[in-house]
Amino acid sequence: MLILYDDGQNLYGEERNQKFSFQSVGIQAQGRTTIFKLNYRNTKQVLGVADEFAKEVIPLPPEMKPPS
């Protein structure tokens, strides 16, 4: 079975207070999931613009910030 989920997608423009997890919908997938590191939808140019914009408006969680 292949299930794709993109946490960055939001069709309805609503802010979500809770992160989705497969476990929350009854799917036991721990240890059997893969997070894609490559972007297969956008050109490098579009991704670069989006990344720069996101850096300005979306703060990184502490665990993702580079050491200072």
N, C-alpha and C. Protein backbone atom coordinates (compact mmCIF):
# COMPACT_ATOMS: atom_id res chain seq x y z
N MET A 1 0.84 -1.16 0.00
CA MET A 1 0.00 0.00 0.00
C MET A 1 0.90 1.23 0.00
N LEU A 2 0.51 2.23 -0.77
CA LEU A 2 1.25 3.49 -0.84
C LEU A 2 0.30 4.61 -0.43
N ILE A 3 0.68 5.33 0.62
CA ILE A 3 -0.09 6.48 1.06
C ILE A 3 0.84 7.68 1.05
N LEU A 4 0.43 8.73 0.38
CA LEU A 4 1.23 9.94 0.33
C LEU A 4 0.51 11.03 1.11
N TYR A 5 1.27 11.76 1.89
CA TYR A 5 0.71 12.83 2.70
C TYR A 5 1.66 14.01 2.68
N ASP A 6 1.14 15.19 2.45
CA ASP A 6 1.96 16.39 2.40
C ASP A 6 1.45 17.36 3.46
N ASP A 7 2.20 17.48 4.55
CA ASP A 7 1.79 18.33 5.66
C ASP A 7 1.75 19.80 5.26
N GLY A 8 2.44 20.14 4.17
CA GLY A 8 2.46 21.53 3.72
C GLY A 8 1.25 21.91 2.90
N GLN A 9 0.40 20.98 2.57
CA GLN A 9 -0.78 21.27 1.76
C GLN A 9 -1.96 21.59 2.65
N ASN A 10 -2.73 22.58 2.23
CA ASN A 10 -3.91 22.97 2.98
C ASN A 10 -4.94 23.49 1.99
N LEU A 11 -5.89 22.67 1.63
CA LEU A 11 -6.87 23.02 0.60
C LEU A 11 -7.90 24.03 1.07
N TYR A 12 -8.15 24.12 2.34
CA TYR A 12 -9.26 24.92 2.83
C TYR A 12 -8.85 26.22 3.49
N GLY A 13 -7.56 26.52 3.56
CA GLY A 13 -7.09 27.76 4.14
C GLY A 13 -7.27 27.87 5.63
N GLU A 14 -7.51 26.75 6.29
CA GLU A 14 -7.71 26.75 7.73
C GLU A 14 -6.41 26.41 8.44
N GLU A 15 -6.19 27.06 9.57
CA GLU A 15 -5.01 26.72 10.37
C GLU A 15 -5.32 25.49 11.20
N ARG A 16 -4.38 24.56 11.18
CA ARG A 16 -4.57 23.32 11.94
C ARG A 16 -3.80 23.40 13.23
N ASN A 17 -4.46 23.10 14.33
CA ASN A 17 -3.80 23.11 15.63
C ASN A 17 -3.12 21.78 15.94
N GLN A 18 -3.51 20.74 15.24
CA GLN A 18 -3.00 19.41 15.53
C GLN A 18 -2.33 18.84 14.29
N LYS A 19 -1.15 18.28 14.46
CA LYS A 19 -0.45 17.65 13.35
C LYS A 19 -1.07 16.29 13.06
N PHE A 20 -1.10 15.93 11.78
CA PHE A 20 -1.62 14.63 11.37
C PHE A 20 -0.60 13.55 11.71
N SER A 21 -1.09 12.42 12.10
CA SER A 21 -0.23 11.23 12.23
C SER A 21 -1.02 10.03 11.73
N PHE A 22 -0.31 9.07 11.17
CA PHE A 22 -0.99 7.85 10.72
C PHE A 22 -1.63 7.14 11.91
N GLN A 23 -0.96 7.19 13.06
CA GLN A 23 -1.50 6.55 14.25
C GLN A 23 -2.86 7.14 14.63
N SER A 24 -3.04 8.45 14.41
CA SER A 24 -4.30 9.10 14.78
C SER A 24 -5.49 8.58 13.97
N VAL A 25 -5.21 7.94 12.85
CA VAL A 25 -6.29 7.37 12.03
C VAL A 25 -6.23 5.84 12.01
N GLY A 26 -5.51 5.27 12.97
CA GLY A 26 -5.51 3.82 13.13
C GLY A 26 -4.54 3.05 12.26
N ILE A 27 -3.56 3.73 11.67
CA ILE A 27 -2.57 3.04 10.84
C ILE A 27 -1.28 2.89 11.63
N GLN A 28 -0.84 1.64 11.85
CA GLN A 28 0.39 1.38 12.58
C GLN A 28 1.54 1.31 11.58
N ALA A 29 2.20 2.46 11.40
CA ALA A 29 3.24 2.55 10.38
C ALA A 29 4.61 2.90 10.97
N GLN A 30 4.73 2.99 12.27
CA GLN A 30 5.99 3.39 12.89
C GLN A 30 7.12 2.47 12.45
N GLY A 31 8.19 3.09 11.99
CA GLY A 31 9.35 2.32 11.53
C GLY A 31 9.23 1.83 10.10
N ARG A 32 8.10 2.08 9.47
CA ARG A 32 7.89 1.61 8.09
C ARG A 32 7.53 2.75 7.16
N THR A 33 7.88 3.97 7.54
CA THR A 33 7.57 5.13 6.71
C THR A 33 8.85 5.72 6.15
N THR A 34 8.71 6.48 5.10
CA THR A 34 9.85 7.16 4.48
C THR A 34 9.46 8.61 4.24
N ILE A 35 10.33 9.52 4.60
CA ILE A 35 10.13 10.92 4.30
C ILE A 35 10.98 11.27 3.10
N PHE A 36 10.36 11.73 2.03
CA PHE A 36 11.10 12.08 0.82
C PHE A 36 11.87 13.37 1.06
N LYS A 37 13.12 13.38 0.69
CA LYS A 37 13.96 14.56 0.83
C LYS A 37 13.99 15.37 -0.47
N LEU A 38 13.59 14.76 -1.56
CA LEU A 38 13.58 15.45 -2.85
C LEU A 38 12.18 15.97 -3.15
N ASN A 39 12.13 17.09 -3.81
CA ASN A 39 10.88 17.68 -4.22
C ASN A 39 10.63 17.28 -5.68
N TYR A 40 9.53 16.64 -5.93
CA TYR A 40 9.24 16.15 -7.27
C TYR A 40 8.22 17.02 -8.02
N ARG A 41 7.76 18.12 -7.43
CA ARG A 41 6.72 18.92 -8.06
C ARG A 41 7.19 20.25 -8.61
N ASN A 42 8.16 20.87 -7.98
CA ASN A 42 8.53 22.23 -8.35
C ASN A 42 9.92 22.29 -8.95
N THR A 43 10.13 23.31 -9.78
CA THR A 43 11.48 23.54 -10.29
C THR A 43 12.32 24.09 -9.16
N LYS A 44 13.63 24.05 -9.32
CA LYS A 44 14.53 24.59 -8.30
C LYS A 44 14.26 26.07 -8.06
N GLN A 45 13.92 26.79 -9.13
CA GLN A 45 13.67 28.22 -9.00
C GLN A 45 12.44 28.49 -8.13
N VAL A 46 11.35 27.77 -8.39
CA VAL A 46 10.12 27.95 -7.60
C VAL A 46 10.37 27.53 -6.17
N LEU A 47 11.06 26.43 -5.97
CA LEU A 47 11.36 25.96 -4.62
C LEU A 47 12.22 26.98 -3.88
N GLY A 48 13.19 27.59 -4.57
CA GLY A 48 14.05 28.58 -3.94
C GLY A 48 13.28 29.80 -3.47
N VAL A 49 12.38 30.30 -4.29
CA VAL A 49 11.56 31.45 -3.91
C VAL A 49 10.67 31.08 -2.73
N ALA A 50 10.04 29.93 -2.78
CA ALA A 50 9.16 29.49 -1.69
C ALA A 50 9.95 29.31 -0.40
N ASP A 51 11.15 28.76 -0.50
CA ASP A 51 11.98 28.54 0.68
C ASP A 51 12.37 29.87 1.33
N GLU A 52 12.78 30.85 0.53
CA GLU A 52 13.14 32.16 1.07
C GLU A 52 11.94 32.83 1.72
N PHE A 53 10.79 32.73 1.08
CA PHE A 53 9.56 33.30 1.65
C PHE A 53 9.23 32.62 2.98
N ALA A 54 9.30 31.30 3.00
CA ALA A 54 8.95 30.56 4.21
C ALA A 54 9.88 30.90 5.37
N LYS A 55 11.15 31.12 5.08
CA LYS A 55 12.11 31.47 6.13
C LYS A 55 11.70 32.76 6.84
N GLU A 56 11.05 33.65 6.10
CA GLU A 56 10.65 34.93 6.67
C GLU A 56 9.35 34.84 7.46
N VAL A 57 8.46 33.94 7.10
CA VAL A 57 7.13 33.93 7.72
C VAL A 57 6.86 32.72 8.62
N ILE A 58 7.67 31.68 8.51
CA ILE A 58 7.44 30.47 9.31
C ILE A 58 8.69 30.18 10.14
N PRO A 59 8.61 30.36 11.46
CA PRO A 59 9.80 30.07 12.27
C PRO A 59 10.09 28.57 12.31
N LEU A 60 11.38 28.24 12.31
CA LEU A 60 11.78 26.84 12.43
C LEU A 60 11.58 26.36 13.85
N PRO A 61 11.14 25.12 14.02
CA PRO A 61 11.08 24.55 15.37
C PRO A 61 12.50 24.45 15.94
N PRO A 62 12.66 24.56 17.25
CA PRO A 62 14.01 24.54 17.86
C PRO A 62 14.85 23.36 17.42
N GLU A 63 14.25 22.19 17.25
CA GLU A 63 15.05 21.00 16.88
C GLU A 63 15.59 21.06 15.46
N MET A 64 15.09 21.97 14.62
CA MET A 64 15.55 22.09 13.24
C MET A 64 16.50 23.26 13.04
N LYS A 65 16.69 24.10 14.07
CA LYS A 65 17.57 25.25 13.92
C LYS A 65 19.03 24.79 13.96
N PRO A 66 19.85 25.39 13.08
CA PRO A 66 21.28 25.03 13.11
C PRO A 66 21.93 25.54 14.39
N PRO A 67 22.98 24.85 14.86
CA PRO A 67 23.65 25.31 16.07
C PRO A 67 24.26 26.69 15.85
N SER A 68 24.23 27.52 16.88
CA SER A 68 24.79 28.87 16.71
C SER A 68 26.21 29.00 17.20
